[in-house]
C-alpha atoms as a PDB file:
ATOM      1  CA  MET A   1     -64.038  12.858  16.508  1.00  0.00           C
ATOM      2  CA  LYS A   2     -60.856  14.190  18.064  1.00  0.00           C
ATOM      3  CA  ARG A   3     -60.343  10.868  19.842  1.00  0.00           C
ATOM      4  CA  LEU A   4     -60.695   9.109  16.476  1.00  0.00           C
ATOM      5  CA  MET A   5     -58.218  11.497  14.843  1.00  0.00           C
ATOM      6  CA  GLN A   6     -55.794  11.006  17.716  1.00  0.00           C
ATOM      7  CA  GLY A   7     -56.031   7.238  17.318  1.00  0.00           C
ATOM      8  CA  VAL A   8     -55.461   7.398  13.560  1.00  0.00           C
ATOM      9  CA  LEU A   9     -52.431   9.653  13.995  1.00  0.00           C
ATOM     10  CA  SER A  10     -50.998   7.373  16.677  1.00  0.00           C
ATOM     11  CA  ILE A  11     -51.237   4.395  14.329  1.00  0.00           C
ATOM     12  CA  ALA A  12     -49.664   6.389  11.489  1.00  0.00           C
ATOM     13  CA  VAL A  13     -46.746   7.477  13.673  1.00  0.00           C
ATOM     14  CA  LEU A  14     -46.218   3.882  14.801  1.00  0.00           C
ATOM     15  CA  CYS A  15     -46.244   2.644  11.191  1.00  0.00           C
ATOM     16  CA  CYS A  16     -43.672   5.240  10.130  1.00  0.00           C
ATOM     17  CA  ALA A  17     -41.432   4.390  13.065  1.00  0.00           C
ATOM     18  CA  THR A  18     -41.734   0.703  12.200  1.00  0.00           C
ATOM     19  CA  GLY A  19     -40.822   1.471   8.590  1.00  0.00           C
ATOM     20  CA  LEU A  20     -37.665   3.292   9.645  1.00  0.00           C
ATOM     21  CA  TRP A  21     -36.659   0.428  11.918  1.00  0.00           C
ATOM     22  CA  ALA A  22     -37.359  -2.201   9.241  1.00  0.00           C
ATOM     23  CA  GLN A  23     -34.782  -0.770   6.859  1.00  0.00           C
ATOM     24  CA  THR A  24     -32.077  -3.015   8.317  1.00  0.00           C
ATOM     25  CA  PRO A  25     -31.771  -6.271   6.319  1.00  0.00           C
ATOM     26  CA  TYR A  26     -33.481  -9.259   7.917  1.00  0.00           C
ATOM     27  CA  PHE A  27     -31.125 -12.220   7.450  1.00  0.00           C
ATOM     28  CA  HIS A  28     -27.578 -11.077   6.706  1.00  0.00           C
ATOM     29  CA  TRP A  29     -25.579  -7.889   6.866  1.00  0.00           C
ATOM     30  CA  TYR A  30     -21.873  -8.592   6.856  1.00  0.00           C
ATOM     31  CA  LYS A  31     -20.283  -5.143   7.045  1.00  0.00           C
ATOM     32  CA  MET A  32     -16.729  -6.547   6.938  1.00  0.00           C
ATOM     33  CA  ASP A  33     -15.544  -3.986   9.488  1.00  0.00           C
ATOM     34  CA  GLU A  34     -13.467  -6.358  11.625  1.00  0.00           C
ATOM     35  CA  GLY A  35     -10.144  -5.680   9.901  1.00  0.00           C
ATOM     36  CA  SER A  36      -8.701  -9.007  11.054  1.00  0.00           C
ATOM     37  CA  GLY A  37      -9.646 -12.613  11.693  1.00  0.00           C
ATOM     38  CA  SER A  38     -12.064 -14.983   9.976  1.00  0.00           C
ATOM     39  CA  VAL A  39     -15.310 -14.528  11.971  1.00  0.00           C
ATOM     40  CA  ILE A  40     -17.617 -11.840  10.563  1.00  0.00           C
ATOM     41  CA  ALA A  41     -20.362 -10.228  12.644  1.00  0.00           C
ATOM     42  CA  ASN A  42     -23.900 -10.344  11.287  1.00  0.00           C
ATOM     43  CA  SER A  43     -25.570  -6.957  11.868  1.00  0.00           C
ATOM     44  CA  ALA A  44     -28.944  -7.938  10.382  1.00  0.00           C
ATOM     45  CA  SER A  45     -32.078  -7.395  12.443  1.00  0.00           C
ATOM     46  CA  GLN A  46     -32.605 -11.115  13.146  1.00  0.00           C
ATOM     47  CA  ALA A  47     -28.976 -12.051  13.824  1.00  0.00           C
ATOM     48  CA  GLY A  48     -28.698 -14.829  16.372  1.00  0.00           C
ATOM     49  CA  MET A  49     -32.415 -15.701  16.388  1.00  0.00           C
ATOM     50  CA  GLY A  50     -33.384 -19.303  15.732  1.00  0.00           C
ATOM     51  CA  SER A  51     -31.000 -20.974  13.320  1.00  0.00           C
ATOM     52  CA  ILE A  52     -29.882 -17.653  11.799  1.00  0.00           C
ATOM     53  CA  ALA A  53     -26.215 -17.417  12.704  1.00  0.00           C
ATOM     54  CA  ALA A  54     -24.994 -14.415  14.682  1.00  0.00           C
ATOM     55  CA  SER A  55     -21.815 -14.485  12.604  1.00  0.00           C
ATOM     56  CA  GLY A  56     -20.399 -15.872   9.379  1.00  0.00           C
ATOM     57  CA  VAL A  57     -17.098 -17.708   9.095  1.00  0.00           C
ATOM     58  CA  PHE A  58     -14.533 -17.631   6.314  1.00  0.00           C
ATOM     59  CA  THR A  59     -13.398 -21.143   5.438  1.00  0.00           C
ATOM     60  CA  ASP A  60     -11.485 -23.003   2.752  1.00  0.00           C
ATOM     61  CA  GLY A  61     -14.062 -25.790   2.799  1.00  0.00           C
ATOM     62  CA  SER A  62     -12.449 -27.883   5.491  1.00  0.00           C
ATOM     63  CA  THR A  63     -11.127 -25.468   8.094  1.00  0.00           C
ATOM     64  CA  VAL A  64     -11.255 -21.793   9.085  1.00  0.00           C
ATOM     65  CA  ALA A  65      -9.364 -19.498   6.696  1.00  0.00           C
ATOM     66  CA  THR A  66      -8.484 -15.861   7.343  1.00  0.00           C
ATOM     67  CA  PRO A  67      -8.968 -13.538   4.340  1.00  0.00           C
ATOM     68  CA  THR A  68      -6.746 -10.593   3.488  1.00  0.00           C
ATOM     69  CA  TRP A  69      -8.214  -7.307   4.735  1.00  0.00           C
ATOM     70  CA  THR A  70      -8.207  -4.190   2.567  1.00  0.00           C
ATOM     71  CA  SER A  71      -9.847  -0.778   2.018  1.00  0.00           C
ATOM     72  CA  PRO A  72     -13.680  -0.661   2.015  1.00  0.00           C
ATOM     73  CA  GLY A  73     -15.959  -0.543  -0.992  1.00  0.00           C
ATOM     74  CA  GLY A  74     -17.813   2.619   0.020  1.00  0.00           C
ATOM     75  CA  ILE A  75     -18.722   2.478   3.706  1.00  0.00           C
ATOM     76  CA  GLY A  76     -17.133   1.303   6.919  1.00  0.00           C
ATOM     77  CA  SER A  77     -13.473   0.627   7.589  1.00  0.00           C
ATOM     78  CA  TYR A  78     -12.543  -2.541   5.704  1.00  0.00           C
ATOM     79  CA  ALA A  79     -13.365  -5.033   2.961  1.00  0.00           C
ATOM     80  CA  VAL A  80     -11.925  -8.477   2.227  1.00  0.00           C
ATOM     81  CA  ASP A  81      -9.503  -9.469  -0.523  1.00  0.00           C
ATOM     82  CA  LEU A  82     -10.182 -13.101  -1.442  1.00  0.00           C
ATOM     83  CA  SER A  83      -7.327 -13.499  -3.917  1.00  0.00           C
ATOM     84  CA  THR A  84      -5.320 -15.303  -1.258  1.00  0.00           C
ATOM     85  CA  PRO A  85      -5.606 -17.450   0.742  1.00  0.00           C
ATOM     86  CA  THR A  86      -8.418 -19.718  -0.432  1.00  0.00           C
ATOM     87  CA  ALA A  87     -11.431 -18.437   1.514  1.00  0.00           C
ATOM     88  CA  PHE A  88     -15.179 -18.008   1.169  1.00  0.00           C
ATOM     89  CA  LEU A  89     -17.929 -16.990   3.597  1.00  0.00           C
ATOM     90  CA  ASP A  90     -20.198 -19.747   4.904  1.00  0.00           C
ATOM     91  CA  SER A  91     -23.268 -18.164   6.515  1.00  0.00           C
ATOM     92  CA  GLY A  92     -24.767 -21.338   7.949  1.00  0.00           C
ATOM     93  CA  LEU A  93     -28.242 -20.184   6.833  1.00  0.00           C
ATOM     94  CA  ASP A  94     -30.629 -22.946   5.702  1.00  0.00           C
ATOM     95  CA  PRO A  95     -32.589 -21.672   2.666  1.00  0.00           C
ATOM     96  CA  ASP A  96     -35.034 -24.589   2.853  1.00  0.00           C
ATOM     97  CA  ILE A  97     -36.132 -23.319   6.279  1.00  0.00           C
ATOM     98  CA  HIS A  98     -36.000 -19.556   5.721  1.00  0.00           C
ATOM     99  CA  LEU A  99     -36.367 -18.798   1.993  1.00  0.00           C
ATOM    100  CA  ASN A 100     -38.837 -21.327   0.583  1.00  0.00           C
ATOM    101  CA  THR A 101     -41.969 -19.201   1.019  1.00  0.00           C
ATOM    102  CA  ILE A 102     -40.763 -15.600   0.720  1.00  0.00           C
ATOM    103  CA  ASP A 103     -39.279 -12.950  -1.562  1.00  0.00           C
ATOM    104  CA  PHE A 104     -35.624 -12.122  -0.951  1.00  0.00           C
ATOM    105  CA  THR A 105     -32.772  -9.918  -2.151  1.00  0.00           C
ATOM    106  CA  ILE A 106     -29.045 -10.648  -2.205  1.00  0.00           C
ATOM    107  CA  GLU A 107     -26.708  -7.631  -2.395  1.00  0.00           C
ATOM    108  CA  MET A 108     -22.997  -6.984  -2.144  1.00  0.00           C
ATOM    109  CA  LEU A 109     -20.210  -4.689  -3.266  1.00  0.00           C
ATOM    110  CA  VAL A 110     -17.537  -6.349  -5.416  1.00  0.00           C
ATOM    111  CA  ASN A 111     -14.360  -5.402  -7.243  1.00  0.00           C
ATOM    112  CA  ALA A 112     -12.680  -7.830  -9.664  1.00  0.00           C
ATOM    113  CA  ASN A 113      -9.370  -6.143  -8.754  1.00  0.00           C
ATOM    114  CA  GLY A 114      -7.641  -6.780 -12.069  1.00  0.00           C
ATOM    115  CA  VAL A 115      -8.438 -10.502 -12.275  1.00  0.00           C
ATOM    116  CA  SER A 116     -11.017 -11.805 -14.749  1.00  0.00           C
ATOM    117  CA  PRO A 117     -14.130 -12.661 -12.694  1.00  0.00           C
ATOM    118  CA  GLY A 118     -15.748 -14.846 -15.365  1.00  0.00           C
ATOM    119  CA  GLY A 119     -17.214 -18.071 -13.981  1.00  0.00           C
ATOM    120  CA  LYS A 120     -16.734 -17.048 -10.351  1.00  0.00           C
ATOM    121  CA  SER A 121     -19.402 -17.338  -7.690  1.00  0.00           C
ATOM    122  CA  LEU A 122     -20.964 -14.441  -5.782  1.00  0.00           C
ATOM    123  CA  CYS A 123     -23.595 -16.396  -3.847  1.00  0.00           C
ATOM    124  CA  CYS A 124     -24.807 -19.986  -3.994  1.00  0.00           C
ATOM    125  CA  MET A 125     -27.606 -21.967  -2.417  1.00  0.00           C
ATOM    126  CA  CYS A 126     -26.042 -25.396  -2.490  1.00  0.00           C
ATOM    127  CA  THR A 127     -25.075 -28.618  -0.778  1.00  0.00           C
ATOM    128  CA  SER A 128     -21.545 -29.983  -0.639  1.00  0.00           C
ATOM    129  CA  SER A 129     -22.103 -31.692  -3.989  1.00  0.00           C
ATOM    130  CA  ALA A 130     -24.723 -29.765  -5.960  1.00  0.00           C
ATOM    131  CA  VAL A 131     -25.768 -26.192  -6.742  1.00  0.00           C
ATOM    132  CA  GLU A 132     -29.489 -25.376  -6.605  1.00  0.00           C
ATOM    133  CA  VAL A 133     -29.182 -21.631  -7.353  1.00  0.00           C
ATOM    134  CA  ALA A 134     -25.995 -19.763  -8.223  1.00  0.00           C
ATOM    135  CA  PHE A 135     -25.629 -15.991  -8.668  1.00  0.00           C
ATOM    136  CA  TYR A 136     -22.260 -15.575 -10.347  1.00  0.00           C
ATOM    137  CA  ILE A 137     -20.221 -13.699 -12.947  1.00  0.00           C
ATOM    138  CA  GLY A 138     -20.617 -15.162 -16.412  1.00  0.00           C
ATOM    139  CA  SER A 139     -17.889 -15.760 -18.981  1.00  0.00           C
ATOM    140  CA  PRO A 140     -16.931 -14.182 -21.338  1.00  0.00           C
ATOM    141  CA  SER A 141     -19.301 -11.278 -20.550  1.00  0.00           C
ATOM    142  CA  ASN A 142     -17.866 -10.671 -17.042  1.00  0.00           C
ATOM    143  CA  SER A 143     -21.423  -9.692 -16.086  1.00  0.00           C
ATOM    144  CA  VAL A 144     -23.897 -11.094 -13.573  1.00  0.00           C
ATOM    145  CA  ALA A 145     -25.498 -14.424 -14.442  1.00  0.00           C
ATOM    146  CA  LEU A 146     -27.882 -16.945 -12.895  1.00  0.00           C
ATOM    147  CA  GLN A 147     -27.806 -20.729 -12.889  1.00  0.00           C
ATOM    148  CA  VAL A 148     -30.625 -22.884 -11.506  1.00  0.00           C
ATOM    149  CA  GLY A 149     -29.660 -26.513 -11.102  1.00  0.00           C
ATOM    150  CA  SER A 150     -27.464 -27.296 -14.090  1.00  0.00           C
ATOM    151  CA  THR A 151     -29.092 -24.718 -16.391  1.00  0.00           C
ATOM    152  CA  VAL A 152     -27.920 -21.161 -17.017  1.00  0.00           C
ATOM    153  CA  VAL A 153     -31.220 -19.260 -17.120  1.00  0.00           C
ATOM    154  CA  ALA A 154     -30.032 -15.648 -17.522  1.00  0.00           C
ATOM    155  CA  THR A 155     -26.938 -13.557 -18.206  1.00  0.00           C
ATOM    156  CA  GLY A 156     -26.184  -9.840 -18.274  1.00  0.00           C
ATOM    157  CA  SER A 157     -24.000  -7.863 -20.655  1.00  0.00           C
ATOM    158  CA  THR A 158     -22.320  -5.115 -18.586  1.00  0.00           C
ATOM    159  CA  SER A 159     -18.775  -6.052 -17.564  1.00  0.00           C
ATOM    160  CA  ILE A 160     -17.571  -5.444 -14.006  1.00  0.00           C
ATOM    161  CA  HIS A 161     -13.964  -6.230 -15.000  1.00  0.00           C
ATOM    162  CA  ASP A 162     -12.769  -2.619 -14.849  1.00  0.00           C
ATOM    163  CA  GLY A 163     -10.973  -2.288 -11.513  1.00  0.00           C
ATOM    164  CA  ASN A 164     -13.862  -0.406  -9.879  1.00  0.00           C
ATOM    165  CA  TRP A 165     -16.267  -1.276  -7.094  1.00  0.00           C
ATOM    166  CA  HIS A 166     -19.739  -2.316  -8.246  1.00  0.00           C
ATOM    167  CA  HIS A 167     -22.992  -3.060  -6.485  1.00  0.00           C
ATOM    168  CA  VAL A 168     -24.520  -6.353  -7.623  1.00  0.00           C
ATOM    169  CA  ALA A 169     -27.927  -7.674  -6.614  1.00  0.00           C
ATOM    170  CA  LEU A 170     -30.268 -10.591  -7.208  1.00  0.00           C
ATOM    171  CA  VAL A 171     -33.945  -9.923  -6.444  1.00  0.00           C
ATOM    172  CA  TYR A 172     -36.303 -12.896  -6.192  1.00  0.00           C
ATOM    173  CA  ASP A 173     -40.045 -12.171  -6.363  1.00  0.00           C
ATOM    174  CA  ARG A 174     -41.856 -15.372  -5.437  1.00  0.00           C
ATOM    175  CA  SER A 175     -45.373 -14.273  -6.391  1.00  0.00           C
ATOM    176  CA  ALA A 176     -44.220 -13.045  -9.820  1.00  0.00           C
ATOM    177  CA  GLN A 177     -41.788 -15.988 -10.115  1.00  0.00           C
ATOM    178  CA  THR A 178     -39.019 -13.713 -11.381  1.00  0.00           C
ATOM    179  CA  ALA A 179     -35.324 -13.489 -10.564  1.00  0.00           C
ATOM    180  CA  THR A 180     -33.774 -10.173 -11.584  1.00  0.00           C
ATOM    181  CA  GLY A 181     -30.078  -9.318 -11.672  1.00  0.00           C
ATOM    182  CA  TYR A 182     -28.688  -5.793 -11.287  1.00  0.00           C
ATOM    183  CA  ILE A 183     -25.350  -4.015 -11.579  1.00  0.00           C
ATOM    184  CA  ASP A 184     -25.143  -0.567  -9.967  1.00  0.00           C
ATOM    185  CA  GLY A 185     -28.932  -0.318  -9.877  1.00  0.00           C
ATOM    186  CA  SER A 186     -29.457  -1.096 -13.579  1.00  0.00           C
ATOM    187  CA  GLN A 187     -31.252  -4.283 -14.597  1.00  0.00           C
ATOM    188  CA  GLU A 188     -29.037  -6.799 -16.402  1.00  0.00           C
ATOM    189  CA  PHE A 189     -31.410  -9.739 -16.682  1.00  0.00           C
ATOM    190  CA  GLN A 190     -34.762 -11.094 -15.584  1.00  0.00           C
ATOM    191  CA  ALA A 191     -35.500 -14.813 -15.530  1.00  0.00           C
ATOM    192  CA  THR A 192     -39.195 -15.737 -15.529  1.00  0.00           C
ATOM    193  CA  ALA A 193     -41.075 -18.863 -14.374  1.00  0.00           C
ATOM    194  CA  GLN A 194     -38.691 -19.214 -11.413  1.00  0.00           C
ATOM    195  CA  ASN A 195     -40.456 -21.208  -8.701  1.00  0.00           C
ATOM    196  CA  TRP A 196     -37.631 -22.058  -6.304  1.00  0.00           C
ATOM    197  CA  THR A 197     -37.893 -24.683  -3.572  1.00  0.00           C
ATOM    198  CA  PHE A 198     -34.639 -25.363  -1.772  1.00  0.00           C
ATOM    199  CA  SER A 199     -33.795 -28.834  -0.511  1.00  0.00           C
ATOM    200  CA  SER A 200     -32.893 -29.861   3.013  1.00  0.00           C
ATOM    201  CA  GLY A 201     -29.151 -29.647   3.541  1.00  0.00           C
ATOM    202  CA  THR A 202     -28.586 -26.589   1.348  1.00  0.00           C
ATOM    203  CA  LYS A 203     -26.723 -23.576   2.717  1.00  0.00           C
ATOM    204  CA  VAL A 204     -26.248 -19.939   1.695  1.00  0.00           C
ATOM    205  CA  VAL A 205     -22.586 -19.372   0.796  1.00  0.00           C
ATOM    206  CA  TYR A 206     -20.874 -16.192  -0.439  1.00  0.00           C
ATOM    207  CA  GLY A 207     -17.847 -16.182  -2.723  1.00  0.00           C
ATOM    208  CA  ASN A 208     -17.926 -19.872  -3.628  1.00  0.00           C
ATOM    209  CA  GLY A 209     -20.196 -22.791  -4.422  1.00  0.00           C
ATOM    210  CA  ARG A 210     -19.380 -24.931  -1.339  1.00  0.00           C
ATOM    211  CA  THR A 211     -19.598 -27.773  -3.789  1.00  0.00           C
ATOM    212  CA  THR A 212     -17.713 -29.874  -6.310  1.00  0.00           C
ATOM    213  CA  SER A 213     -19.346 -27.975  -9.184  1.00  0.00           C
ATOM    214  CA  SER A 214     -17.448 -26.104 -11.879  1.00  0.00           C
ATOM    215  CA  PHE A 215     -17.999 -22.715 -10.220  1.00  0.00           C
ATOM    216  CA  ALA A 216     -14.766 -20.996  -9.353  1.00  0.00           C
ATOM    217  CA  ARG A 217     -14.180 -19.230  -6.061  1.00  0.00           C
ATOM    218  CA  TRP A 218     -14.419 -15.424  -6.066  1.00  0.00           C
ATOM    219  CA  THR A 219     -10.882 -14.027  -6.076  1.00  0.00           C
ATOM    220  CA  GLY A 220     -11.553 -10.278  -6.020  1.00  0.00           C
ATOM    221  CA  LEU A 221     -12.641  -7.836  -3.311  1.00  0.00           C
ATOM    222  CA  MET A 222     -15.960  -8.099  -1.476  1.00  0.00           C
ATOM    223  CA  ASP A 223     -17.821  -5.877   1.012  1.00  0.00           C
ATOM    224  CA  GLU A 224     -21.278  -5.162   2.535  1.00  0.00           C
ATOM    225  CA  ILE A 225     -23.000  -8.506   1.913  1.00  0.00           C
ATOM    226  CA  LYS A 226     -26.749  -8.430   2.550  1.00  0.00           C
ATOM    227  CA  LEU A 227     -29.669 -10.850   2.421  1.00  0.00           C
ATOM    228  CA  ASP A 228     -33.117  -9.355   3.007  1.00  0.00           C
ATOM    229  CA  ASN A 229     -36.574 -10.940   3.199  1.00  0.00           C
ATOM    230  CA  THR A 230     -38.087  -8.543   0.644  1.00  0.00           C
ATOM    231  CA  ALA A 231     -37.859  -7.992  -3.103  1.00  0.00           C
ATOM    232  CA  ARG A 232     -35.988  -4.688  -2.915  1.00  0.00           C
ATOM    233  CA  SER A 233     -36.105  -2.022  -5.612  1.00  0.00           C
ATOM    234  CA  PRO A 234     -33.062  -0.337  -7.213  1.00  0.00           C
ATOM    235  CA  SER A 235     -33.771   2.866  -5.247  1.00  0.00           C
ATOM    236  CA  GLN A 236     -33.031   0.902  -2.066  1.00  0.00           C
ATOM    237  CA  PHE A 237     -29.737  -0.569  -3.244  1.00  0.00           C
ATOM    238  CA  ALA A 238     -26.310   0.145  -1.783  1.00  0.00           C
ATOM    239  CA  LEU A 239     -24.480   1.930  -4.578  1.00  0.00           C
ATOM    240  CA  PRO A 240     -20.734   2.435  -4.024  1.00  0.00           C
ATOM    241  CA  GLY A 241     -19.523   6.014  -3.708  1.00  0.00           C
ATOM    242  CA  SER A 242     -22.977   7.506  -4.200  1.00  0.00           C
ATOM    243  CA  GLY A 243     -22.754   9.672  -1.082  1.00  0.00           C
ATOM    244  CA  GLY A 244     -25.851   8.022   0.364  1.00  0.00           C
ATOM    245  CA  GLY A 245     -27.497   4.688   0.900  1.00  0.00           C
ATOM    246  CA  ASP A 246     -25.708   1.700   2.350  1.00  0.00           C
ATOM    247  CA  GLY A 247     -22.731   1.900   0.029  1.00  0.00           C
ATOM    248  CA  GLY A 248     -21.727   5.559   0.129  1.00  0.00           C
ATOM    249  CA  GLY A 249     -21.177   8.119   2.846  1.00  0.00           C
ATOM    250  CA  GLY A 250     -22.273   7.569   6.406  1.00  0.00           C
ATOM    251  CA  ASP A 251     -25.968   6.823   5.934  1.00  0.00           C
ATOM    252  CA  GLU A 252     -26.815   3.189   6.608  1.00  0.00           C
ATOM    253  CA  SER A 253     -30.488   3.249   5.647  1.00  0.00           C
ATOM    254  CA  CYS A 254     -31.911   1.500   2.606  1.00  0.00           C
ATOM    255  CA  SER A 255     -31.685   4.687   0.584  1.00  0.00           C
ATOM    256  CA  THR A 256     -31.047   8.321   1.403  1.00  0.00           C
ATOM    257  CA  SER A 257     -34.196   9.659  -0.252  1.00  0.00           C
ATOM    258  CA  THR A 258     -36.532   7.076   1.287  1.00  0.00           C
ATOM    259  CA  HIS A 259     -34.991   7.470   4.713  1.00  0.00           C
ATOM    260  CA  SER A 260     -35.170  11.280   4.719  1.00  0.00           C
ATOM    261  CA  GLY A 261     -38.734  11.302   3.427  1.00  0.00           C
ATOM    262  CA  MET A 262     -39.924   8.919   6.111  1.00  0.00           C
ATOM    263  CA  GLU A 263     -38.199  10.970   8.808  1.00  0.00           C
ATOM    264  CA  TRP A 264     -40.052  14.126   7.691  1.00  0.00           C
ATOM    265  CA  ILE A 265     -43.368  12.264   7.615  1.00  0.00           C
ATOM    266  CA  PHE A 266     -42.679  10.985  11.116  1.00  0.00           C
ATOM    267  CA  VAL A 267     -41.952  14.513  12.390  1.00  0.00           C
ATOM    268  CA  VAL A 268     -45.075  16.013  10.761  1.00  0.00           C
ATOM    269  CA  LEU A 269     -47.344  13.285  12.144  1.00  0.00           C
ATOM    270  CA  ALA A 270     -45.835  13.679  15.607  1.00  0.00           C
ATOM    271  CA  VAL A 271     -46.503  17.449  15.527  1.00  0.00           C
ATOM    272  CA  MET A 272     -50.094  16.832  14.401  1.00  0.00           C
ATOM    273  CA  LEU A 273     -50.588  14.349  17.230  1.00  0.00           C
ATOM    274  CA  VAL A 274     -49.363  16.906  19.773  1.00  0.00           C
ATOM    275  CA  ALA A 275     -51.642  19.563  18.240  1.00  0.00           C
ATOM    276  CA  VAL A 276     -54.682  17.321  18.589  1.00  0.00           C
ATOM    277  CA  ARG A 277     -53.859  16.640  22.228  1.00  0.00           C
ATOM    278  CA  VAL A 278     -53.273  20.342  23.021  1.00  0.00           C
ATOM    279  CA  GLY A 279     -56.438  21.444  21.222  1.00  0.00           C
ATOM    280  CA  ARG A 280     -58.622  18.942  23.042  1.00  0.00           C
ATOM    281  CA  PRO A 281     -61.115  20.672  25.448  1.00  0.00           C
ATOM    282  CA  ARG A 282     -60.427  20.076  29.105  1.00  0.00           C
ATOM    283  CA  GLU A 283     -63.111  18.354  31.102  1.00  0.00           C
ATOM    284  CA  ALA A 284     -64.672  20.344  33.911  1.00  0.00           C
END
């Protein structure tokens, strides 16, 4: 019985440790901590594996373009100011290879910085000539919006045009076929019947459409871009200036409360495992 209990506890400890490790985003985590240059390190857990690029590159669509560096949006040392020169972040990720069968979440910290953000792109899955999915800021609401193909399928109502940093997120749940948009952890829209299949040749691009579409390039501030292979909940989001989570303070877990709780569970299970081993009768 004690051997069984020891085995169960060992598995539980391993699961908790795995959960803590898995809090780092899977595909992209551009912290924007370089402070100079146009190449941005990808700190996600799978950076550099397969066709997932180890870094993203700011470009103007034809050549490398260096953004203006500025103060961060809540964590780290820097953020980027994309008002000048013309620049957007091309990740090189192929959504047809990596996103066609899974849930995923796109997150970032943005600040319109005094310029109307209406009609400007946050993230697009697109080719050089067509948008398949665009997460952008709608006009005239200045809130998050979603376009699939040539159809606007959802728009929010809360404006981000106030000079402050905001966390924006798009959560895609493939089994539920929903795409949900958030601002600062509050739901702004939910589009239903969304069964997305990305075409060969599409790329994941941040801050522009990488296309000849009508989407304008993002011209505000941007920081902490993430792409995860799960449908994350608002409690896991990176809220700016919250004093915890990815966007505030020094904690870089998914969320302060989840992270702390899992650490305590890990400690308790480890103590129980030691107790079982100590209490086990010695063989003669």
